[in-house]
Each structure stands twice: as structure tokens, then as C-alpha cells.
């Protein structure tokens, strides 16, 4: 993680810190940007800034997004890795197909956040199976 530091308490819309997943963070009253990344199937992100900024998500498999976040709002975002289907067979005849997410790097980064104060929280899930990965 990279971040510039914690600041004095200010009035910000509150966020609820994530409590599940394999790895989670909660940084109230943070300032001047930051980033978190983990190899994961899904990830969740929330932020409430005092001024507008951008959130960028990049997946190591390709894709992601770059979106504006308005001041004094709570924004919730999430991302899933690419899904794949695999098959298991017993005696070559009794086969089942399963869908799951690949584990790829999810990199969340705050852009144009110099001088901006915010509350933020992240959660990463990699030990879950498919649909169980979709809820923080």
C-alpha cells in the first residue's frame, strides 16, 4: 500500500468498513492519495472524499476502469476477475462443469487526490468459489 498520511478529523460522509473477505482495509480520515492491490477473484472498494477525484482499477488480466468520484458522496465499486469453466470427470464418464473466477491482480488507485481528504475501505476475496465471491 502507498499513501501519504492520516490527517486531523474532519466532517466526511461515513463509510462502513468491510468485515469479510481474505484481506480488507479501512482508512478513515486519509489524505493525498493511495493504492491497494492483491491477487484476487473479486474486490470491493468504497470512498467518501472531500473533493472530487478519480478511482482507477486495473486488472492484470486486462481491463478495468477509470471513473470520477464526486465530493461529499459515498461511492461503492466492485470488480470481478475473468470467469472460466472447468470440468471434472470420474472414470471418464461422470463429468461435472464448474464456473469460477481466475485469480488476477486487482489494483485500486486514487488519482488526482493530492490535498484531498477521504475515508476509504477495500476488500479482496480469493479463497471463495464463484457466486460466493460476489458479496462483500
Protein backbone atom coordinates (compact mmCIF):
# COMPACT_ATOMS: atom_id res chain seq x y z
CA UNK A 1 0.00 0.00 0.00
CA UNK A 2 1.08 3.54 -0.70
CA UNK A 3 -0.47 6.55 0.95
CA UNK A 4 0.66 9.95 2.06
CA UNK A 5 -0.77 10.06 5.55
CA UNK A 6 -3.52 10.44 8.07
CA UNK A 7 -4.92 13.91 8.76
CA UNK A 8 -6.89 15.63 11.52
CA UNK A 9 -10.56 14.73 11.92
CA UNK A 10 -12.95 16.48 9.51
CA UNK A 11 -16.59 16.08 8.58
CA UNK A 12 -16.84 13.41 5.88
CA UNK A 13 -19.67 11.13 4.85
CA UNK A 14 -19.08 7.96 6.84
CA UNK A 15 -18.37 4.60 5.28
CA UNK A 16 -18.92 1.15 6.70
CA UNK A 17 -15.66 -0.75 6.87
CA UNK A 18 -15.68 -4.12 5.16
CA UNK A 19 -15.61 -7.06 7.57
CA UNK A 20 -15.33 -10.10 5.27
CA UNK A 21 -13.04 -11.40 2.60
CA UNK A 22 -9.49 -12.70 2.72
CA UNK A 23 -7.95 -9.23 3.10
CA UNK A 24 -9.54 -5.90 3.98
CA UNK A 25 -8.54 -2.37 4.86
CA UNK A 26 -10.27 0.59 6.42
CA UNK A 27 -8.64 4.01 6.40
CA UNK A 28 -10.74 6.76 7.93
CA UNK A 29 -9.51 10.34 7.56
CA UNK A 30 -6.78 9.64 4.99
CA UNK A 31 -5.27 12.22 2.64
CA UNK A 32 -3.26 12.71 -0.54
CA UNK A 33 -3.95 9.52 -2.43
CA UNK A 34 -3.13 5.86 -2.11
CA UNK A 35 -3.47 2.43 -3.66
CA UNK A 36 -4.09 -1.19 -2.71
CA UNK A 37 -3.56 -4.29 -4.80
CA UNK A 38 -3.87 -8.03 -4.23
CA UNK A 39 -4.16 -11.16 -6.34
CA UNK A 40 -7.87 -11.84 -6.04
CA UNK A 41 -11.03 -13.21 -7.64
CA UNK A 42 -13.15 -10.21 -6.65
CA UNK A 43 -12.53 -6.92 -4.90
CA UNK A 44 -14.66 -4.19 -3.35
CA UNK A 45 -13.89 -0.52 -2.80
CA UNK A 46 -15.68 2.40 -1.16
CA UNK A 47 -14.67 6.01 -0.68
CA UNK A 48 -16.06 9.34 0.55
CA UNK A 49 -13.79 12.28 -0.45
CA UNK A 50 -13.93 15.99 0.49
CA UNK A 51 -13.16 16.96 -3.12
CA UNK A 52 -13.63 15.25 -6.46
CA UNK A 53 -11.02 12.71 -7.53
CA UNK A 54 -10.70 9.65 -9.77
CA UNK A 55 -10.60 5.95 -8.92
CA UNK A 56 -8.71 3.67 -11.25
CA UNK A 57 -8.94 -0.12 -11.24
CA UNK A 58 -6.53 -2.17 -13.33
CA UNK A 59 -6.71 -5.97 -13.62
CA UNK A 60 -3.51 -7.83 -14.55
CA UNK A 61 -5.60 -9.88 -17.00
CA UNK A 62 -6.51 -6.67 -18.85
CA UNK A 63 -9.39 -4.30 -18.42
CA UNK A 64 -10.51 -2.15 -15.57
CA UNK A 65 -11.92 1.36 -15.34
CA UNK A 66 -11.14 4.99 -14.55
CA UNK A 67 -14.10 6.89 -13.07
CA UNK A 68 -14.74 10.24 -11.39
CA UNK A 69 -15.91 10.31 -7.78
CA UNK A 70 -17.80 13.39 -6.60
CA UNK A 71 -17.03 15.25 -3.41
CA UNK A 72 -19.04 14.57 -0.26
CA UNK A 73 -20.61 11.35 -1.56
CA UNK A 74 -20.09 7.70 -0.71
CA UNK A 75 -19.16 5.66 -3.78
CA UNK A 76 -19.21 1.84 -3.80
CA UNK A 77 -17.36 -0.08 -6.53
CA UNK A 78 -16.50 -3.72 -7.15
CA UNK A 79 -14.67 -5.80 -9.72
CA UNK A 80 -14.54 -9.45 -10.77
CA UNK A 81 -11.72 -11.32 -12.45
CA UNK A 82 -12.42 -13.14 -15.72
CA UNK A 83 -14.56 -16.27 -15.27
CA UNK A 84 -13.66 -19.69 -16.63
CA UNK A 85 -15.33 -23.11 -16.81
CA UNK A 86 -13.58 -26.32 -15.82
CA UNK A 87 -14.70 -29.92 -15.91
CA UNK A 88 -14.06 -32.82 -13.55
CA UNK A 89 -14.71 -36.39 -14.56
CA UNK A 90 -14.81 -39.72 -12.75
CA UNK A 91 -13.93 -42.78 -14.83
CA UNK A 92 -14.12 -40.56 -17.89
CA UNK A 93 -17.91 -40.66 -17.97
CA UNK A 94 -19.39 -38.89 -14.98
CA UNK A 95 -18.49 -35.25 -15.59
CA UNK A 96 -19.43 -32.00 -13.90
CA UNK A 97 -18.69 -28.49 -15.12
CA UNK A 98 -17.89 -25.67 -12.71
CA UNK A 99 -17.52 -21.93 -13.21
CA UNK A 100 -15.13 -19.85 -11.16
CA UNK A 101 -13.16 -16.62 -11.33
CA UNK A 102 -9.46 -16.59 -12.15
CA UNK A 103 -7.11 -15.13 -9.53
CA UNK A 104 -5.53 -12.00 -11.04
CA UNK A 105 -4.09 -8.81 -9.60
CA UNK A 106 -6.69 -6.14 -8.71
CA UNK A 107 -5.01 -2.72 -8.37
CA UNK A 108 -7.17 0.10 -6.94
CA UNK A 109 -5.58 3.55 -7.16
CA UNK A 110 -6.67 7.08 -6.29
CA UNK A 111 -5.80 9.64 -8.97
CA UNK A 112 -5.69 13.45 -8.65
CA UNK A 113 -6.07 13.07 -4.89
CA UNK A 114 -3.32 15.46 -3.77
CA UNK A 115 -4.72 17.62 -0.98
CA UNK A 116 -7.96 15.59 -0.82
CA UNK A 117 -9.13 14.06 2.47
CA UNK A 118 -11.25 10.90 2.38
CA UNK A 119 -12.49 7.79 4.15
CA UNK A 120 -11.86 4.58 2.19
CA UNK A 121 -12.10 0.85 2.56
CA UNK A 122 -11.17 -2.16 0.41
CA UNK A 123 -11.85 -5.89 0.48
CA UNK A 124 -10.27 -8.67 -1.58
CA UNK A 125 -11.57 -12.26 -1.97
CA UNK A 126 -9.51 -15.12 -3.40
CA UNK A 127 -10.46 -18.25 -1.42
CA UNK A 128 -14.18 -18.11 -2.32
CA UNK A 129 -15.96 -20.00 -5.08
CA UNK A 130 -17.75 -18.24 -7.92
CA UNK A 131 -21.06 -16.70 -6.70
CA UNK A 132 -19.85 -16.66 -3.07
CA UNK A 133 -17.22 -14.18 -4.26
CA UNK A 134 -19.79 -11.57 -5.28
CA UNK A 135 -20.79 -10.15 -1.89
CA UNK A 136 -18.55 -8.13 0.41
